[in-house]
PDB file of N, CA and C in Angstrom:
ATOM      1  N   UNK A   1      17.292 -13.219   0.431  1.00  0.00           N
ATOM      2  CA  UNK A   1      16.953 -14.176  -0.585  1.00  0.00           C
ATOM      3  C   UNK A   1      17.910 -15.370  -0.538  1.00  0.00           C
ATOM      4  N   UNK A   2      19.176 -15.076  -0.324  1.00  0.00           N
ATOM      5  CA  UNK A   2      20.168 -16.146  -0.272  1.00  0.00           C
ATOM      6  C   UNK A   2      19.894 -17.083   0.904  1.00  0.00           C
ATOM      7  N   UNK A   3      19.484 -16.521   2.042  1.00  0.00           N
ATOM      8  CA  UNK A   3      19.190 -17.349   3.215  1.00  0.00           C
ATOM      9  C   UNK A   3      17.998 -18.260   2.940  1.00  0.00           C
ATOM     10  N   UNK A   4      16.977 -17.731   2.289  1.00  0.00           N
ATOM     11  CA  UNK A   4      15.809 -18.548   1.953  1.00  0.00           C
ATOM     12  C   UNK A   4      16.214 -19.694   1.038  1.00  0.00           C
ATOM     13  N   UNK A   5      17.020 -19.389   0.034  1.00  0.00           N
ATOM     14  CA  UNK A   5      17.461 -20.433  -0.886  1.00  0.00           C
ATOM     15  C   UNK A   5      18.278 -21.502  -0.164  1.00  0.00           C
ATOM     16  N   UNK A   6      19.104 -21.065   0.782  1.00  0.00           N
ATOM     17  CA  UNK A   6      19.864 -22.030   1.584  1.00  0.00           C
ATOM     18  C   UNK A   6      18.918 -22.889   2.420  1.00  0.00           C
ATOM     19  N   UNK A   7      17.887 -22.272   2.973  1.00  0.00           N
ATOM     20  CA  UNK A   7      16.951 -22.994   3.837  1.00  0.00           C
ATOM     21  C   UNK A   7      16.160 -24.053   3.077  1.00  0.00           C
ATOM     22  N   UNK A   8      15.860 -23.805   1.828  1.00  0.00           N
ATOM     23  CA  UNK A   8      15.064 -24.778   1.078  1.00  0.00           C
ATOM     24  C   UNK A   8      15.929 -25.798   0.331  1.00  0.00           C
ATOM     25  N   UNK A   9      17.225 -25.608   0.368  1.00  0.00           N
ATOM     26  CA  UNK A   9      18.139 -26.560  -0.259  1.00  0.00           C
ATOM     27  C   UNK A   9      18.076 -27.894   0.480  1.00  0.00           C
ATOM     28  N   UNK A  10      17.919 -28.983  -0.256  1.00  0.00           N
ATOM     29  CA  UNK A  10      17.760 -30.296   0.382  1.00  0.00           C
ATOM     30  C   UNK A  10      18.993 -30.741   1.157  1.00  0.00           C
ATOM     31  N   UNK A  11      20.161 -30.229   0.825  1.00  0.00           N
ATOM     32  CA  UNK A  11      21.390 -30.636   1.509  1.00  0.00           C
ATOM     33  C   UNK A  11      21.713 -29.785   2.733  1.00  0.00           C
ATOM     34  N   UNK A  12      20.912 -28.780   3.018  1.00  0.00           N
ATOM     35  CA  UNK A  12      21.156 -27.939   4.190  1.00  0.00           C
ATOM     36  C   UNK A  12      20.761 -28.709   5.452  1.00  0.00           C
ATOM     37  N   UNK A  13      21.634 -28.681   6.424  1.00  0.00           N
ATOM     38  CA  UNK A  13      21.435 -29.379   7.694  1.00  0.00           C
ATOM     39  C   UNK A  13      20.172 -28.885   8.405  1.00  0.00           C
ATOM     40  N   UNK A  14      19.504 -29.775   9.098  1.00  0.00           N
ATOM     41  CA  UNK A  14      18.266 -29.467   9.827  1.00  0.00           C
ATOM     42  C   UNK A  14      18.466 -28.345  10.847  1.00  0.00           C
ATOM     43  N   UNK A  15      19.578 -28.371  11.549  1.00  0.00           N
ATOM     44  CA  UNK A  15      19.874 -27.350  12.556  1.00  0.00           C
ATOM     45  C   UNK A  15      20.064 -25.988  11.880  1.00  0.00           C
ATOM     46  N   UNK A  16      20.760 -25.983  10.760  1.00  0.00           N
ATOM     47  CA  UNK A  16      20.969 -24.731  10.023  1.00  0.00           C
ATOM     48  C   UNK A  16      19.651 -24.189   9.494  1.00  0.00           C
ATOM     49  N   UNK A  17      18.780 -25.076   9.018  1.00  0.00           N
ATOM     50  CA  UNK A  17      17.462 -24.649   8.537  1.00  0.00           C
ATOM     51  C   UNK A  17      16.671 -23.980   9.654  1.00  0.00           C
ATOM     52  N   UNK A  18      16.722 -24.550  10.847  1.00  0.00           N
ATOM     53  CA  UNK A  18      16.015 -23.971  11.994  1.00  0.00           C
ATOM     54  C   UNK A  18      16.601 -22.604  12.347  1.00  0.00           C
ATOM     55  N   UNK A  19      17.918 -22.475  12.271  1.00  0.00           N
ATOM     56  CA  UNK A  19      18.579 -21.202  12.553  1.00  0.00           C
ATOM     57  C   UNK A  19      18.144 -20.130  11.543  1.00  0.00           C
ATOM     58  N   UNK A  20      18.132 -20.497  10.279  1.00  0.00           N
ATOM     59  CA  UNK A  20      17.711 -19.563   9.236  1.00  0.00           C
ATOM     60  C   UNK A  20      16.256 -19.164   9.448  1.00  0.00           C
ATOM     61  N   UNK A  21      15.420 -20.120   9.805  1.00  0.00           N
ATOM     62  CA  UNK A  21      14.001 -19.821  10.042  1.00  0.00           C
ATOM     63  C   UNK A  21      13.848 -18.771  11.140  1.00  0.00           C
ATOM     64  N   UNK A  22      14.569 -18.937  12.237  1.00  0.00           N
ATOM     65  CA  UNK A  22      14.489 -17.977  13.344  1.00  0.00           C
ATOM     66  C   UNK A  22      14.994 -16.600  12.914  1.00  0.00           C
ATOM     67  N   UNK A  23      16.056 -16.571  12.134  1.00  0.00           N
ATOM     68  CA  UNK A  23      16.591 -15.300  11.653  1.00  0.00           C
ATOM     69  C   UNK A  23      15.601 -14.604  10.717  1.00  0.00           C
ATOM     70  N   UNK A  24      14.962 -15.364   9.844  1.00  0.00           N
ATOM     71  CA  UNK A  24      13.991 -14.776   8.926  1.00  0.00           C
ATOM     72  C   UNK A  24      12.748 -14.274   9.666  1.00  0.00           C
ATOM     73  N   UNK A  25      12.320 -14.995  10.689  1.00  0.00           N
ATOM     74  CA  UNK A  25      11.178 -14.536  11.491  1.00  0.00           C
ATOM     75  C   UNK A  25      11.515 -13.234  12.223  1.00  0.00           C
ATOM     76  N   UNK A  26      12.724 -13.145  12.754  1.00  0.00           N
ATOM     77  CA  UNK A  26      13.144 -11.914  13.437  1.00  0.00           C
ATOM     78  C   UNK A  26      13.200 -10.758  12.445  1.00  0.00           C
ATOM     79  N   UNK A  27      13.717 -11.017  11.256  1.00  0.00           N
ATOM     80  CA  UNK A  27      13.760  -9.982  10.218  1.00  0.00           C
ATOM     81  C   UNK A  27      12.357  -9.527   9.842  1.00  0.00           C
ATOM     82  N   UNK A  28      11.458 -10.493   9.674  1.00  0.00           N
ATOM     83  CA  UNK A  28      10.082 -10.163   9.289  1.00  0.00           C
ATOM     84  C   UNK A  28       9.408  -9.297  10.349  1.00  0.00           C
ATOM     85  N   UNK A  29       9.675  -9.596  11.610  1.00  0.00           N
ATOM     86  CA  UNK A  29       9.105  -8.800  12.698  1.00  0.00           C
ATOM     87  C   UNK A  29       9.589  -7.348  12.611  1.00  0.00           C
ATOM     88  N   UNK A  30      10.892  -7.166  12.420  1.00  0.00           N
ATOM     89  CA  UNK A  30      11.441  -5.812  12.320  1.00  0.00           C
ATOM     90  C   UNK A  30      10.953  -5.100  11.063  1.00  0.00           C
ATOM     91  N   UNK A  31      10.851  -5.836   9.970  1.00  0.00           N
ATOM     92  CA  UNK A  31      10.386  -5.256   8.720  1.00  0.00           C
ATOM     93  C   UNK A  31       8.940  -4.773   8.859  1.00  0.00           C
ATOM     94  N   UNK A  32       8.109  -5.591   9.468  1.00  0.00           N
ATOM     95  CA  UNK A  32       6.710  -5.219   9.675  1.00  0.00           C
ATOM     96  C   UNK A  32       6.611  -3.997  10.584  1.00  0.00           C
ATOM     97  N   UNK A  33       7.395  -3.974  11.657  1.00  0.00           N
ATOM     98  CA  UNK A  33       7.400  -2.832  12.570  1.00  0.00           C
ATOM     99  C   UNK A  33       7.796  -1.563  11.822  1.00  0.00           C
ATOM    100  N   UNK A  34       8.816  -1.670  10.987  1.00  0.00           N
ATOM    101  CA  UNK A  34       9.259  -0.517  10.204  1.00  0.00           C
ATOM    102  C   UNK A  34       8.172  -0.010   9.266  1.00  0.00           C
ATOM    103  N   UNK A  35       7.449  -0.923   8.636  1.00  0.00           N
ATOM    104  CA  UNK A  35       6.372  -0.527   7.726  1.00  0.00           C
ATOM    105  C   UNK A  35       5.242   0.169   8.489  1.00  0.00           C
ATOM    106  N   UNK A  36       4.929  -0.315   9.682  1.00  0.00           N
ATOM    107  CA  UNK A  36       3.894   0.320  10.503  1.00  0.00           C
ATOM    108  C   UNK A  36       4.330   1.730  10.882  1.00  0.00           C
ATOM    109  N   UNK A  37       5.584   1.888  11.266  1.00  0.00           N
ATOM    110  CA  UNK A  37       6.079   3.212  11.635  1.00  0.00           C
ATOM    111  C   UNK A  37       6.048   4.160  10.439  1.00  0.00           C
ATOM    112  N   UNK A  38       6.391   3.672   9.259  1.00  0.00           N
ATOM    113  CA  UNK A  38       6.302   4.507   8.056  1.00  0.00           C
ATOM    114  C   UNK A  38       4.860   4.907   7.784  1.00  0.00           C
ATOM    115  N   UNK A  39       3.950   3.958   7.893  1.00  0.00           N
ATOM    116  CA  UNK A  39       2.534   4.244   7.669  1.00  0.00           C
ATOM    117  C   UNK A  39       2.052   5.298   8.666  1.00  0.00           C
ATOM    118  N   UNK A  40       2.457   5.153   9.934  1.00  0.00           N
ATOM    119  CA  UNK A  40       2.071   6.139  10.942  1.00  0.00           C
ATOM    120  C   UNK A  40       2.592   7.524  10.569  1.00  0.00           C
ATOM    121  N   UNK A  41       3.833   7.601  10.139  1.00  0.00           N
ATOM    122  CA  UNK A  41       4.422   8.896   9.791  1.00  0.00           C
ATOM    123  C   UNK A  41       3.722   9.518   8.587  1.00  0.00           C
ATOM    124  N   UNK A  42       3.467   8.727   7.568  1.00  0.00           N
ATOM    125  CA  UNK A  42       2.854   9.262   6.352  1.00  0.00           C
ATOM    126  C   UNK A  42       1.377   9.596   6.539  1.00  0.00           C
ATOM    127  N   UNK A  43       0.714   8.877   7.440  1.00  0.00           N
ATOM    128  CA  UNK A  43      -0.720   9.112   7.626  1.00  0.00           C
ATOM    129  C   UNK A  43      -1.008  10.081   8.765  1.00  0.00           C
ATOM    130  N   UNK A  44       0.018  10.430   9.532  1.00  0.00           N
ATOM    131  CA  UNK A  44      -0.168  11.326  10.655  1.00  0.00           C
ATOM    132  C   UNK A  44      -0.781  10.638  11.860  1.00  0.00           C
ATOM    133  N   UNK A  45      -0.841   9.328  11.848  1.00  0.00           N
ATOM    134  CA  UNK A  45      -1.443   8.575  12.967  1.00  0.00           C
ATOM    135  C   UNK A  45      -0.399   8.334  14.057  1.00  0.00           C
ATOM    136  N   UNK A  46      -0.748   8.699  15.258  1.00  0.00           N
ATOM    137  CA  UNK A  46       0.119   8.408  16.398  1.00  0.00           C
ATOM    138  C   UNK A  46      -0.643   7.682  17.490  1.00  0.00           C
ATOM    139  N   UNK A  47      -1.911   7.393  17.250  1.00  0.00           N
ATOM    140  CA  UNK A  47      -2.748   6.758  18.270  1.00  0.00           C
ATOM    141  C   UNK A  47      -2.505   5.259  18.388  1.00  0.00           C
ATOM    142  N   UNK A  48      -1.574   4.716  17.620  1.00  0.00           N
ATOM    143  CA  UNK A  48      -1.329   3.283  17.651  1.00  0.00           C
ATOM    144  C   UNK A  48      -0.037   2.931  18.376  1.00  0.00           C
ATOM    145  N   UNK A  49       0.493   3.873  19.154  1.00  0.00           N
ATOM    146  CA  UNK A  49       1.715   3.625  19.897  1.00  0.00           C
ATOM    147  C   UNK A  49       1.491   2.528  20.924  1.00  0.00           C
ATOM    148  N   UNK A  50       2.535   1.787  21.208  1.00  0.00           N
ATOM    149  CA  UNK A  50       2.439   0.713  22.212  1.00  0.00           C
ATOM    150  C   UNK A  50       2.549   1.295  23.588  1.00  0.00           C
TER     151      UNK A  50
END
């Protein structure tokens, strides 16, 4: 949450905003992967492996 607030702050440097954006996208990717793995475990689905 703090990173998002920093990213939308008007005084935050453009380069820093881009860095935060990349970090948040990487986090979102891992978070989504984790949720899929939890869903697979709870539903007993294993047919969606990569």
